Amino acid sequence: MTTPLPMARRSLLLVALAASHAAGQSDVVLPACTSADNTTLLEPYKALLAPCLAAVNQTLTPAGIIANPPLFCASTSCQSLSTAAGAILSKCTPETSVVPGKFCDPACVEAITGWRLNRQQCIKITSTTYGLCYTCKKYLASVSSVVATCQIQDSAAAIRQDVDVLGMVKICDAQTNPTTAPVTTSSESNNTTYIVIGCIAGVVLLGAVVFACLRTKKPRGDVYSSNGQSYRANGSNRHLINSGNNSSNGGGTSGNPSSTAHHMNTRVANDIRFDAELSQFRIPQQEIQNISLLVKGGYGVVFHATFGKQDVAMKQLLPSKAKDSSAIQDFMNEIRLCARLEHPKIVKFVGISWSTLQDLAVLSEFMSNGDVTGLIRKERKRPEGSRLLHWYSDGVFPATKTSIAADTADALVYLHSFQPTVIHRDLKSKNVLLSETWEAKLSDFGISRVTSLEESMTSNIGTIAWIAPEVLTGGRYTEKADIYSFGVLMAELDTLEVPYADMLGKSKENGFSNARLAMMVSEGALQPSFTESMPSELLALARECLSFHDNDRPSAVQLSYRLHKLLQQ
């Protein structure tokens, strides 16, 4: 029996093993390493392995090493380890597996990130998401490219099958190419015919009975959830948003009873309440306790609550927006996306709850240290010599401006790796939240986002300042629009001010307005300012993010890599 590898070694080899199986064979067969090779090549590699794992484990568990190449490659010892592996794999095939030789090349980091994401989406396919079947084939088709790009050792016969992916491919193929039904005998066919006729007759009879009952019974205005539970539109189940009211009206709207019942029973397109996959995340309202208001915005309201022993944030549409079918649809799209996202730098989805369409709520992990905007405001009030938040750690405050930026960049790497790409479109300090341990996580994937350029022009500064030039001109844009917003976020962290606040604060005197600001940004005539004390390497990175042409901006992978490298210094 083969001796199992240590946990850290198995983690480092995860990509190599999976790629080896999916590719089936290596592109180039090299001779086995000789004893001389072991001395000149393998011994230096082994000497670098322990320092690399020790450096990475300070910020990441061994099982997550491959899950985040930028963190691995931010360590100098790990970069040296990968280089040493490359020297081995360029000459011979070692007896024991080694890490990819080009693992820290930007092309490899980007390739592996997308490759792993395709696998993650593939193995989570359910009966309601067969549209993602393409990710399985895309994962398998890209194996050879990943192996070549990253110089992955195509060995390790212990894992020669990615059972999860191949099993899902079979399921997907069965859906798109169903097998021919087995041939039945004449008697079997006749029996089947009689059964079908009997079933149809039974259904017709049952329908007639139900119809007769409904004719003699007054409608209750009930609707039904996907699990068969009924609830009344104007019954005793209250709206969570009216948590203090437990009356029989339960937050129902006033006016004509029939029109109210019709409004409350409206089913929008892609209604998540009837989604079999999402129904498993439904949380009964009575299990949500200790509800208190956190913040109220123009689109929604957020509460602090508890679910079991867990603190959660609960978001709902404002009552005025909950009557708007398009707003409800947008909220449902946000919930659907949040349920799909799973990354340590994105606020965790907990579940959904409702009694009616109008009190639909999404629950997520509670971020006890608020948002970065709040942190910046507190810092701004402190005397300059007494401030706690700096670009690099001084050993006093647990977070730094660079760590917040790096965490946010990691979230963008994940979002931008989806196919099709997920663009956040509303990246700013307000939507970056801080956990109890001051870890930054990205949030808000929907209802607070401005839906049109016209609305942006008439809104406050919280909308305009972070928008990329190509978005302001109404042209086509890509995920690089998020990178521009990231550059504005870095300006916020640096100056502790809202971008352009000094200009717009004097708008009454000089006629400066959101419309004028948008025009100047779209023409490349205006950019956020930075302080003279900002470290030059970070200032250069922020300037690249704010490049007028999106092709000149770095990718999220490049951002993450460079920021984590700076954190290691």
Protein backbone atom coordinates (compact mmCIF):
# COMPACT_ATOMS: atom_id res chain seq x y z
CA MET A 1 0.00 0.00 0.00
CA THR A 2 1.27 3.46 -0.85
CA THR A 3 2.14 5.56 2.20
CA PRO A 4 -0.20 8.58 2.38
CA LEU A 5 1.40 11.96 1.88
CA PRO A 6 1.24 14.52 4.71
CA MET A 7 -1.74 16.89 4.53
CA ALA A 8 0.28 19.87 3.36
CA ARG A 9 2.02 17.86 0.65
CA ARG A 10 -1.30 16.45 -0.57
CA SER A 11 -2.70 19.97 -0.78
CA LEU A 12 0.23 21.23 -2.79
CA LEU A 13 -0.14 18.34 -5.21
CA LEU A 14 -3.90 18.64 -5.67
CA VAL A 15 -3.72 20.44 -8.98
CA ALA A 16 -1.02 18.16 -10.33
CA LEU A 17 -2.93 15.01 -9.46
CA ALA A 18 -6.23 16.16 -10.92
CA ALA A 19 -4.54 17.40 -14.05
CA SER A 20 -2.65 14.15 -14.43
CA HIS A 21 -5.83 12.14 -14.51
CA ALA A 22 -7.82 14.43 -16.74
CA ALA A 23 -5.01 14.72 -19.25
CA GLY A 24 -4.50 10.98 -19.21
CA GLN A 25 -0.85 11.23 -20.22
CA SER A 26 1.97 13.71 -20.13
CA ASP A 27 2.89 15.75 -23.17
CA VAL A 28 6.61 15.08 -22.72
CA VAL A 29 8.05 11.95 -21.12
CA LEU A 30 11.32 12.71 -19.36
CA PRO A 31 13.78 10.12 -18.05
CA ALA A 32 13.77 9.30 -14.36
CA CYS A 33 16.02 11.41 -12.19
CA THR A 34 19.40 9.85 -11.49
CA SER A 35 21.22 9.78 -8.18
CA ALA A 36 23.27 12.74 -9.40
CA ASP A 37 20.05 14.62 -10.16
CA ASN A 38 18.82 13.81 -6.66
CA THR A 39 21.90 15.46 -5.22
CA THR A 40 22.00 18.55 -7.42
CA LEU A 41 18.26 19.14 -7.89
CA LEU A 42 16.09 17.30 -5.38
CA GLU A 43 18.06 18.06 -2.23
CA PRO A 44 17.80 21.87 -2.74
CA TYR A 45 14.08 21.43 -3.43
CA LYS A 46 13.52 19.46 -0.22
CA ALA A 47 15.41 22.09 1.77
CA LEU A 48 13.01 24.78 0.52
CA LEU A 49 9.80 22.82 1.16
CA ALA A 50 9.55 23.28 4.94
CA PRO A 51 10.24 27.07 4.92
CA CYS A 52 7.63 27.53 2.21
CA LEU A 53 4.93 25.63 4.08
CA ALA A 54 5.79 27.45 7.30
CA ALA A 55 5.52 30.84 5.58
CA VAL A 56 2.20 30.06 3.92
CA ASN A 57 0.63 28.48 6.97
CA GLN A 58 0.92 31.80 8.80
CA THR A 59 -1.97 33.10 6.73
CA LEU A 60 -3.54 30.05 5.12
CA THR A 61 -4.31 26.46 6.06
CA PRO A 62 -2.48 23.77 4.08
CA ALA A 63 -5.72 22.61 2.46
CA GLY A 64 -6.21 26.07 0.98
CA ILE A 65 -2.75 26.57 -0.51
CA ILE A 66 -3.74 25.65 -4.05
CA ALA A 67 -7.09 27.41 -3.55
CA ASN A 68 -5.30 30.75 -3.53
CA PRO A 69 -2.14 30.81 -5.67
CA PRO A 70 -1.48 34.54 -5.00
CA LEU A 71 -1.00 33.84 -1.28
CA PHE A 72 1.34 30.94 -1.99
CA CYS A 73 3.36 32.98 -4.45
CA ALA A 74 3.57 36.01 -2.17
CA SER A 75 6.11 34.04 -0.11
CA THR A 76 9.70 34.34 -1.34
CA SER A 77 10.53 30.84 -0.10
CA CYS A 78 7.54 29.40 -1.98
CA GLN A 79 8.58 31.19 -5.15
CA SER A 80 12.02 29.65 -4.75
CA LEU A 81 10.41 26.25 -4.18
CA SER A 82 8.46 26.53 -7.42
CA THR A 83 11.59 27.63 -9.29
CA ALA A 84 13.48 24.63 -7.89
CA ALA A 85 10.65 22.36 -9.01
CA GLY A 86 10.87 23.88 -12.48
CA ALA A 87 14.57 23.05 -12.65
CA ILE A 88 13.80 19.42 -11.80
CA LEU A 89 10.89 19.04 -14.21
CA SER A 90 12.89 20.55 -17.05
CA LYS A 91 15.47 17.77 -16.80
CA CYS A 92 13.95 14.59 -15.35
CA THR A 93 11.00 12.91 -13.66
CA PRO A 94 11.47 12.63 -9.87
CA GLU A 95 10.30 9.62 -7.88
CA THR A 96 8.25 11.85 -5.58
CA SER A 97 5.84 14.52 -6.79
CA VAL A 98 6.86 18.17 -6.70
CA VAL A 99 4.92 21.42 -6.89
CA PRO A 100 4.29 22.97 -10.33
CA GLY A 101 7.43 24.51 -11.78
CA LYS A 102 5.76 27.68 -13.06
CA PHE A 103 3.13 27.94 -10.36
CA CYS A 104 3.91 31.58 -9.61
CA ASP A 105 3.87 32.80 -13.19
CA PRO A 106 0.93 35.24 -13.62
CA ALA A 107 -0.33 33.16 -16.56
CA CYS A 108 -0.42 30.05 -14.37
CA VAL A 109 -2.14 31.81 -11.47
CA GLU A 110 -4.86 33.04 -13.80
CA ALA A 111 -5.22 29.68 -15.54
CA ILE A 112 -5.51 27.71 -12.30
CA THR A 113 -8.01 30.13 -10.80
CA GLY A 114 -10.38 29.78 -13.74
CA TRP A 115 -9.78 26.05 -13.98
CA ARG A 116 -10.64 25.43 -10.32
CA LEU A 117 -13.71 27.62 -10.53
CA ASN A 118 -15.05 25.57 -13.44
CA ARG A 119 -14.62 22.44 -11.36
CA GLN A 120 -16.33 24.03 -8.37
CA GLN A 121 -19.33 25.00 -10.48
CA CYS A 122 -19.38 21.62 -12.21
CA ILE A 123 -19.57 19.43 -9.12
CA LYS A 124 -22.39 21.54 -7.63
CA ILE A 125 -24.76 21.14 -10.59
CA THR A 126 -28.29 20.12 -9.62
CA SER A 127 -31.47 19.35 -11.50
CA THR A 128 -32.22 23.09 -11.68
CA THR A 129 -28.79 24.18 -12.91
CA TYR A 130 -28.04 21.94 -15.90
CA GLY A 131 -27.21 25.13 -17.76
CA LEU A 132 -23.82 24.98 -16.02
CA CYS A 133 -22.92 21.63 -17.58
CA TYR A 134 -20.57 23.44 -19.93
CA THR A 135 -18.26 24.11 -16.97
CA CYS A 136 -17.49 20.38 -16.63
CA LYS A 137 -16.36 20.06 -20.22
CA LYS A 138 -14.53 23.36 -20.04
CA TYR A 139 -12.68 22.10 -16.98
CA LEU A 140 -11.60 18.90 -18.72
CA ALA A 141 -10.76 20.65 -21.98
CA SER A 142 -8.43 23.10 -20.24
CA VAL A 143 -6.36 20.49 -18.41
CA SER A 144 -3.62 20.19 -21.03
CA SER A 145 -3.28 23.96 -21.21
CA VAL A 146 -3.02 24.27 -17.42
CA VAL A 147 -0.45 21.46 -17.25
CA ALA A 148 1.70 23.18 -19.87
CA THR A 149 1.26 26.72 -18.54
CA CYS A 150 2.09 25.80 -14.95
CA GLN A 151 4.63 23.05 -15.71
CA ILE A 152 2.70 20.51 -13.67
CA GLN A 153 4.32 17.13 -13.13
CA ASP A 154 2.08 14.61 -14.89
CA SER A 155 2.57 11.70 -12.55
CA ALA A 156 1.11 10.56 -9.22
CA ALA A 157 -0.91 7.59 -10.39
CA ALA A 158 -2.66 7.41 -7.00
CA ILE A 159 -5.36 9.71 -8.37
CA ARG A 160 -6.12 8.98 -12.00
CA GLN A 161 -9.77 9.88 -11.99
CA ASP A 162 -11.63 13.01 -10.99
CA VAL A 163 -14.69 10.97 -10.09
CA ASP A 164 -16.86 13.96 -9.21
CA VAL A 165 -16.34 15.72 -12.54
CA LEU A 166 -16.62 12.61 -14.71
CA GLY A 167 -19.73 11.52 -12.85
CA MET A 168 -21.31 14.92 -13.42
CA VAL A 169 -20.39 14.77 -17.12
CA LYS A 170 -22.35 11.52 -17.41
CA ILE A 171 -25.35 13.11 -15.73
CA CYS A 172 -25.16 16.14 -18.02
CA ASP A 173 -24.81 13.94 -21.10
CA ALA A 174 -27.88 11.99 -20.02
CA GLN A 175 -29.86 15.23 -19.89
CA THR A 176 -28.77 16.47 -23.31
CA ASN A 177 -28.62 13.05 -25.02
CA PRO A 178 -31.20 10.83 -23.33
CA THR A 179 -30.83 7.13 -24.03
CA THR A 180 -33.39 5.30 -26.13
CA ALA A 181 -36.20 3.86 -24.07
CA PRO A 182 -36.08 0.05 -23.72
CA VAL A 183 -38.30 -1.96 -26.06
CA THR A 184 -41.35 -3.37 -24.31
CA THR A 185 -43.42 -6.36 -25.22
CA SER A 186 -46.94 -6.02 -26.52
CA SER A 187 -48.49 -7.08 -23.22
CA GLU A 188 -46.29 -4.63 -21.29
CA SER A 189 -47.33 -1.88 -23.68
CA ASN A 190 -51.01 -2.64 -23.23
CA ASN A 191 -50.67 -2.69 -19.45
CA THR A 192 -48.90 0.66 -19.54
CA THR A 193 -51.66 2.10 -21.71
CA TYR A 194 -54.35 0.98 -19.26
CA ILE A 195 -52.43 2.47 -16.33
CA VAL A 196 -51.98 5.81 -18.09
CA ILE A 197 -55.68 5.97 -19.02
CA GLY A 198 -56.63 5.14 -15.44
CA CYS A 199 -54.33 7.85 -14.07
CA ILE A 200 -55.75 10.46 -16.43
CA ALA A 201 -59.31 9.54 -15.49
CA GLY A 202 -58.42 9.76 -11.80
CA VAL A 203 -56.85 13.19 -12.22
CA VAL A 204 -59.90 14.47 -14.12
CA LEU A 205 -62.25 13.17 -11.42
CA LEU A 206 -60.13 14.65 -8.65
CA GLY A 207 -60.04 17.98 -10.46
CA ALA A 208 -63.82 18.02 -10.71
CA VAL A 209 -64.18 17.38 -6.97
CA VAL A 210 -61.67 20.10 -6.07
CA PHE A 211 -63.40 22.57 -8.40
CA ALA A 212 -66.75 21.86 -6.78
CA CYS A 213 -65.29 22.41 -3.32
CA LEU A 214 -63.71 25.69 -4.32
CA ARG A 215 -67.02 26.90 -5.74
CA THR A 216 -68.64 26.46 -2.31
CA LYS A 217 -65.78 27.82 -0.21
CA LYS A 218 -64.72 31.44 0.18
CA PRO A 219 -61.16 32.10 -1.06
CA ARG A 220 -58.61 32.56 1.71
CA GLY A 221 -55.91 34.28 -0.29
CA ASP A 222 -53.43 31.50 0.55
CA VAL A 223 -50.27 30.86 -1.41
CA TYR A 224 -47.99 27.86 -1.14
CA SER A 225 -44.27 27.47 -0.75
CA SER A 226 -42.18 24.94 -2.64
CA ASN A 227 -42.25 22.54 0.33
CA GLY A 228 -46.04 22.43 0.41
CA GLN A 229 -46.49 24.70 3.44
CA SER A 230 -49.30 27.19 3.14
CA TYR A 231 -49.34 30.69 4.49
CA ARG A 232 -51.87 33.47 4.25
CA ALA A 233 -51.26 36.74 2.46
CA ASN A 234 -53.18 38.65 5.13
CA GLY A 235 -52.99 36.13 7.95
CA SER A 236 -51.13 35.94 11.22
CA ASN A 237 -47.62 35.59 9.78
CA ARG A 238 -46.10 39.02 10.18
CA HIS A 239 -43.56 40.84 8.04
CA LEU A 240 -40.10 40.75 9.57
CA ILE A 241 -39.71 44.39 8.65
CA ASN A 242 -42.59 45.12 11.03
CA SER A 243 -41.03 43.00 13.75
CA GLY A 244 -42.77 44.89 16.51
CA ASN A 245 -46.23 44.22 15.11
CA ASN A 246 -47.81 40.84 15.75
CA SER A 247 -51.36 41.79 14.93
CA SER A 248 -53.65 39.80 12.71
CA ASN A 249 -52.99 42.09 9.80
CA GLY A 250 -49.34 41.11 9.84
CA GLY A 251 -48.13 43.99 7.75
CA GLY A 252 -50.66 43.56 4.96
CA THR A 253 -51.35 46.52 2.72
CA SER A 254 -54.46 48.59 3.06
CA GLY A 255 -57.05 49.19 0.41
CA ASN A 256 -59.36 46.93 -1.55
CA PRO A 257 -59.12 43.40 -0.06
CA SER A 258 -59.30 41.64 -3.40
CA SER A 259 -56.63 43.81 -4.99
CA THR A 260 -54.45 43.38 -1.90
CA ALA A 261 -54.73 39.60 -2.05
CA HIS A 262 -53.94 39.65 -5.75
CA HIS A 263 -50.90 41.86 -5.14
CA MET A 264 -49.57 39.71 -2.31
CA ASN A 265 -50.02 36.51 -4.31
CA THR A 266 -48.24 37.81 -7.40
CA ARG A 267 -45.53 35.44 -8.56
CA VAL A 268 -42.62 37.08 -10.31
CA ALA A 269 -40.45 35.45 -12.92
CA ASN A 270 -37.90 32.98 -11.51
CA ASP A 271 -39.54 33.24 -8.08
CA ILE A 272 -36.98 31.85 -5.62
CA ARG A 273 -39.74 30.75 -3.25
CA PHE A 274 -40.57 28.01 -5.72
CA ASP A 275 -36.96 27.08 -6.49
CA ALA A 276 -36.28 23.53 -5.32
CA GLU A 277 -32.56 24.19 -4.95
CA LEU A 278 -32.96 27.36 -2.88
CA SER A 279 -35.80 26.01 -0.75
CA GLN A 280 -33.26 24.02 1.27
CA PHE A 281 -31.95 27.35 2.56
CA ARG A 282 -35.34 28.53 3.84
CA ILE A 283 -35.31 29.55 7.50
CA PRO A 284 -38.63 29.69 9.41
CA GLN A 285 -39.32 33.22 10.58
CA GLN A 286 -39.89 32.13 14.16
CA GLU A 287 -36.27 30.93 14.32
CA ILE A 288 -34.98 34.45 13.63
CA GLN A 289 -34.76 36.24 16.97
CA ASN A 290 -33.50 39.48 18.58
CA ILE A 291 -34.14 41.61 15.50
CA SER A 292 -32.84 45.17 15.65
CA LEU A 293 -32.39 47.80 12.95
CA LEU A 294 -28.86 48.35 11.66
CA VAL A 295 -29.19 50.63 8.65
CA LYS A 296 -31.84 51.88 6.26
CA GLY A 297 -31.02 52.89 2.70
CA GLY A 298 -32.80 54.01 -0.41
CA TYR A 299 -33.58 50.47 -1.54
CA GLY A 300 -33.47 48.22 1.48
CA VAL A 301 -33.15 47.87 5.21
CA VAL A 302 -30.68 45.72 7.15
CA PHE A 303 -31.29 44.22 10.59
CA HIS A 304 -29.03 42.55 13.13
CA ALA A 305 -30.58 39.29 14.32
CA THR A 306 -29.74 35.85 15.68
CA PHE A 307 -30.39 32.48 14.08
CA GLY A 308 -29.72 29.79 16.64
CA LYS A 309 -26.42 30.78 18.23
CA GLN A 310 -25.27 32.65 15.14
CA ASP A 311 -25.35 36.41 14.65
CA VAL A 312 -26.70 37.27 11.21
CA ALA A 313 -27.46 40.31 9.09
CA MET A 314 -30.94 40.26 7.57
CA LYS A 315 -31.73 42.36 4.52
CA GLN A 316 -35.14 43.19 3.08
CA LEU A 317 -36.56 45.57 0.55
CA LEU A 318 -38.14 48.74 1.87
CA PRO A 319 -41.95 48.46 1.97
CA SER A 320 -42.19 51.02 -0.83
CA LYS A 321 -39.84 48.96 -3.02
CA ALA A 322 -41.48 45.66 -2.04
CA LYS A 323 -44.54 46.71 -4.06
CA ASP A 324 -42.42 47.11 -7.20
CA SER A 325 -42.21 43.87 -9.18
CA SER A 326 -38.96 44.91 -10.87
CA ALA A 327 -37.35 45.68 -7.49
CA ILE A 328 -38.50 42.31 -6.18
CA GLN A 329 -37.05 40.62 -9.25
CA ASP A 330 -33.71 42.40 -8.76
CA PHE A 331 -33.67 41.36 -5.11
CA MET A 332 -34.33 37.76 -6.06
CA ASN A 333 -31.51 37.88 -8.58
CA GLU A 334 -29.22 39.18 -5.85
CA ILE A 335 -30.25 36.38 -3.50
CA ARG A 336 -29.75 33.78 -6.23
CA LEU A 337 -26.24 35.10 -6.87
CA CYS A 338 -25.33 35.30 -3.17
CA ALA A 339 -26.41 31.70 -2.67
CA ARG A 340 -24.07 30.71 -5.47
CA LEU A 341 -21.00 32.53 -4.16
CA GLU A 342 -18.68 30.81 -1.74
CA HIS A 343 -15.35 32.44 -0.93
CA PRO A 344 -13.59 33.43 2.31
CA LYS A 345 -13.42 37.07 1.19
CA ILE A 346 -17.11 37.37 0.34
CA VAL A 347 -19.75 37.76 3.05
CA LYS A 348 -21.20 34.30 3.63
CA PHE A 349 -24.77 33.49 2.58
CA VAL A 350 -26.78 31.91 5.43
CA GLY A 351 -30.32 31.52 4.11
CA ILE A 352 -33.61 33.09 3.08
CA SER A 353 -36.88 33.64 4.89
CA TRP A 354 -40.38 34.78 4.01
CA SER A 355 -44.05 34.51 4.78
CA THR A 356 -45.13 36.59 1.79
CA LEU A 357 -43.48 37.95 -1.29
CA GLN A 358 -43.27 41.37 0.34
CA ASP A 359 -41.30 40.31 3.44
CA LEU A 360 -38.72 38.22 1.62
CA ALA A 361 -35.38 38.44 3.46
CA VAL A 362 -31.84 37.22 2.86
CA LEU A 363 -29.62 36.32 5.80
CA SER A 364 -25.83 36.53 5.75
CA GLU A 365 -23.01 36.37 8.26
CA PHE A 366 -22.88 39.34 10.60
CA MET A 367 -19.77 41.50 10.21
CA SER A 368 -19.34 42.96 13.68
CA ASN A 369 -16.84 45.69 12.79
CA GLY A 370 -19.07 47.35 10.23
CA ASP A 371 -17.94 48.65 6.86
CA VAL A 372 -14.71 50.29 5.75
CA THR A 373 -16.51 53.63 5.34
CA GLY A 374 -17.22 53.65 9.08
CA LEU A 375 -13.62 52.77 9.87
CA ILE A 376 -12.37 55.58 7.63
CA ARG A 377 -14.67 58.11 9.30
CA LYS A 378 -13.42 57.15 12.76
CA GLU A 379 -9.81 57.42 11.60
CA ARG A 380 -10.45 60.84 10.09
CA LYS A 381 -11.65 62.15 13.46
CA ARG A 382 -8.46 61.08 15.21
CA PRO A 383 -5.44 63.41 15.32
CA GLU A 384 -3.04 62.48 12.54
CA GLY A 385 -0.37 61.26 14.95
CA SER A 386 -2.85 59.02 16.80
CA ARG A 387 -4.36 57.15 13.87
CA LEU A 388 -4.43 53.37 13.96
CA LEU A 389 -4.96 52.43 10.32
CA HIS A 390 -1.82 52.53 8.19
CA TRP A 391 -0.70 50.99 4.90
CA TYR A 392 1.68 48.64 6.71
CA SER A 393 1.37 47.09 10.15
CA ASP A 394 2.83 48.82 13.18
CA GLY A 395 1.88 45.95 15.45
CA VAL A 396 -0.87 47.92 17.20
CA PHE A 397 -3.98 47.61 15.01
CA PRO A 398 -4.93 44.17 13.58
CA ALA A 399 -5.76 45.46 10.09
CA THR A 400 -3.88 47.60 7.58
CA LYS A 401 -4.97 49.49 4.51
CA THR A 402 -2.99 47.02 2.42
CA SER A 403 -4.61 43.97 4.03
CA ILE A 404 -8.07 45.43 3.38
CA ALA A 405 -7.11 46.06 -0.24
CA ALA A 406 -5.65 42.55 -0.61
CA ASP A 407 -8.76 40.90 0.84
CA THR A 408 -10.94 42.86 -1.56
CA ALA A 409 -8.71 41.95 -4.50
CA ASP A 410 -9.03 38.26 -3.57
CA ALA A 411 -12.82 38.59 -3.75
CA LEU A 412 -12.52 40.16 -7.21
CA VAL A 413 -10.27 37.32 -8.39
CA TYR A 414 -13.07 34.92 -7.49
CA LEU A 415 -15.87 36.97 -9.08
CA HIS A 416 -13.95 37.66 -12.28
CA SER A 417 -13.08 33.98 -12.70
CA PHE A 418 -16.70 33.01 -13.36
CA GLN A 419 -17.83 32.26 -16.90
CA PRO A 420 -19.57 34.48 -17.75
CA THR A 421 -17.71 36.97 -15.57
CA VAL A 422 -19.47 38.34 -12.51
CA ILE A 423 -18.94 42.11 -12.31
CA HIS A 424 -19.70 43.68 -8.94
CA ARG A 425 -20.39 47.16 -10.40
CA ASP A 426 -20.65 48.85 -7.01
CA LEU A 427 -17.25 48.41 -5.39
CA LYS A 428 -16.60 51.06 -2.72
CA SER A 429 -15.67 51.23 0.95
CA LYS A 430 -19.34 51.07 1.98
CA ASN A 431 -19.61 47.59 0.47
CA VAL A 432 -16.45 46.19 2.04
CA LEU A 433 -17.30 44.83 5.50
CA LEU A 434 -15.04 43.92 8.41
CA SER A 435 -15.34 40.76 10.50
CA GLU A 436 -14.68 40.34 14.20
CA THR A 437 -11.02 39.64 13.35
CA TRP A 438 -10.87 42.65 10.96
CA GLU A 439 -10.85 40.51 7.85
CA ALA A 440 -12.33 42.42 4.90
CA LYS A 441 -15.11 40.82 2.87
CA LEU A 442 -17.02 42.06 -0.16
CA SER A 443 -20.80 42.46 0.06
CA ASP A 444 -23.86 43.95 -1.66
CA PHE A 445 -24.51 42.30 -4.99
CA GLY A 446 -27.75 43.94 -5.96
CA ILE A 447 -30.37 46.17 -4.43
CA SER A 448 -28.21 49.15 -3.47
CA ARG A 449 -26.75 49.32 -6.97
CA VAL A 450 -27.93 52.18 -9.18
CA THR A 451 -29.70 50.72 -12.18
CA SER A 452 -29.16 53.41 -14.77
CA LEU A 453 -26.78 56.18 -15.73
CA GLU A 454 -29.61 58.71 -15.55
CA GLU A 455 -30.26 57.73 -11.94
CA SER A 456 -26.54 58.08 -11.23
CA MET A 457 -26.54 61.67 -12.46
CA THR A 458 -29.24 62.69 -10.01
CA SER A 459 -27.96 60.70 -7.03
CA ASN A 460 -25.46 61.70 -4.37
CA ILE A 461 -21.71 61.39 -4.52
CA GLY A 462 -21.92 57.82 -3.22
CA THR A 463 -22.82 56.72 -6.71
CA ILE A 464 -20.73 58.68 -9.18
CA ALA A 465 -17.23 58.76 -7.72
CA TRP A 466 -16.48 55.06 -8.17
CA ILE A 467 -17.80 54.60 -11.72
CA ALA A 468 -15.30 53.90 -14.52
CA PRO A 469 -15.12 56.26 -17.53
CA GLU A 470 -16.35 53.65 -20.01
CA VAL A 471 -19.44 53.02 -17.87
CA LEU A 472 -20.21 56.74 -17.64
CA THR A 473 -20.12 57.06 -21.43
CA GLY A 474 -22.64 54.24 -21.78
CA GLY A 475 -20.24 52.05 -23.75
CA ARG A 476 -19.47 48.37 -23.41
CA TYR A 477 -17.49 47.51 -20.31
CA THR A 478 -15.86 44.49 -18.72
CA GLU A 479 -14.68 43.40 -15.29
CA LYS A 480 -11.99 46.06 -15.62
CA ALA A 481 -14.68 48.54 -14.50
CA ASP A 482 -14.37 46.93 -11.05
CA ILE A 483 -10.61 47.48 -11.18
CA TYR A 484 -11.18 51.22 -11.71
CA SER A 485 -13.50 51.24 -8.69
CA PHE A 486 -10.77 49.42 -6.76
CA GLY A 487 -8.41 52.30 -7.55
CA VAL A 488 -10.95 54.73 -6.11
CA LEU A 489 -11.20 52.52 -3.01
CA MET A 490 -7.42 52.82 -2.58
CA ALA A 491 -7.83 56.60 -2.75
CA GLU A 492 -10.43 56.38 0.03
CA LEU A 493 -8.09 54.32 2.18
CA ASP A 494 -5.25 56.75 1.56
CA THR A 495 -6.98 60.09 2.08
CA LEU A 496 -9.69 58.93 4.52
CA GLU A 497 -12.06 61.06 2.46
CA VAL A 498 -14.84 60.46 -0.04
CA PRO A 499 -13.34 61.09 -3.50
CA TYR A 500 -14.03 64.60 -4.85
CA ALA A 501 -15.83 65.53 -1.61
CA ASP A 502 -14.06 68.88 -1.41
CA MET A 503 -15.16 69.78 -4.95
CA LEU A 504 -18.77 68.72 -4.57
CA GLY A 505 -18.98 70.34 -1.15
CA LYS A 506 -18.60 73.69 -2.89
CA SER A 507 -21.00 72.85 -5.68
CA LYS A 508 -23.42 75.63 -4.80
CA GLU A 509 -20.75 78.28 -5.21
CA ASN A 510 -18.92 77.00 -8.28
CA GLY A 511 -21.65 75.09 -10.04
CA PHE A 512 -19.82 71.76 -9.69
CA SER A 513 -22.31 68.90 -9.89
CA ASN A 514 -22.50 65.15 -10.33
CA ALA A 515 -23.17 65.65 -14.03
CA ARG A 516 -20.06 67.78 -14.43
CA LEU A 517 -18.02 65.31 -12.38
CA ALA A 518 -19.21 62.44 -14.57
CA MET A 519 -18.34 64.34 -17.74
CA MET A 520 -14.82 65.16 -16.53
CA VAL A 521 -14.15 61.57 -15.42
CA SER A 522 -15.51 60.15 -18.68
CA GLU A 523 -13.14 62.43 -20.62
CA GLY A 524 -10.13 61.50 -18.49
CA ALA A 525 -9.84 65.04 -17.13
CA LEU A 526 -10.34 64.12 -13.47
CA GLN A 527 -9.10 61.41 -11.10
CA PRO A 528 -9.17 60.92 -7.32
CA SER A 529 -6.29 62.49 -5.42
CA PHE A 530 -3.79 60.81 -3.09
CA THR A 531 -1.64 62.00 -0.20
CA GLU A 532 2.09 62.59 -0.45
CA SER A 533 2.69 60.05 2.31
CA MET A 534 1.23 57.10 0.40
CA PRO A 535 3.93 54.45 -0.25
CA SER A 536 5.19 54.79 -3.82
CA GLU A 537 4.64 51.14 -4.75
CA LEU A 538 0.99 51.32 -3.67
CA LEU A 539 0.46 54.68 -5.33
CA ALA A 540 1.78 53.26 -8.60
CA LEU A 541 -0.62 50.33 -8.32
CA ALA A 542 -3.58 52.62 -7.60
CA ARG A 543 -2.69 54.79 -10.60
CA GLU A 544 -2.65 51.71 -12.83
CA CYS A 545 -6.12 50.76 -11.60
CA LEU A 546 -7.36 54.26 -12.49
CA SER A 547 -6.00 54.12 -16.05
CA PHE A 548 -8.40 55.73 -18.51
CA HIS A 549 -8.20 52.80 -20.93
CA ASP A 550 -9.39 49.57 -19.33
CA ASN A 551 -6.74 47.49 -21.11
CA ASP A 552 -4.08 49.41 -19.16
CA ARG A 553 -5.53 48.33 -15.82
CA PRO A 554 -4.21 45.21 -14.08
CA SER A 555 -6.37 42.12 -13.71
CA ALA A 556 -7.72 41.08 -10.32
CA VAL A 557 -5.19 38.24 -10.25
CA GLN A 558 -2.32 40.67 -10.80
CA LEU A 559 -3.72 42.98 -8.12
CA SER A 560 -3.96 40.19 -5.58
CA TYR A 561 -0.49 38.90 -6.36
CA ARG A 562 1.18 42.29 -6.01
CA LEU A 563 -0.67 43.25 -2.82
CA HIS A 564 0.08 39.96 -1.07
CA LYS A 565 3.70 40.27 -2.09
CA LEU A 566 3.81 43.70 -0.46
CA LEU A 567 2.22 42.29 2.70
CA GLN A 568 5.02 39.72 2.97
CA GLN A 569 7.74 42.38 2.99
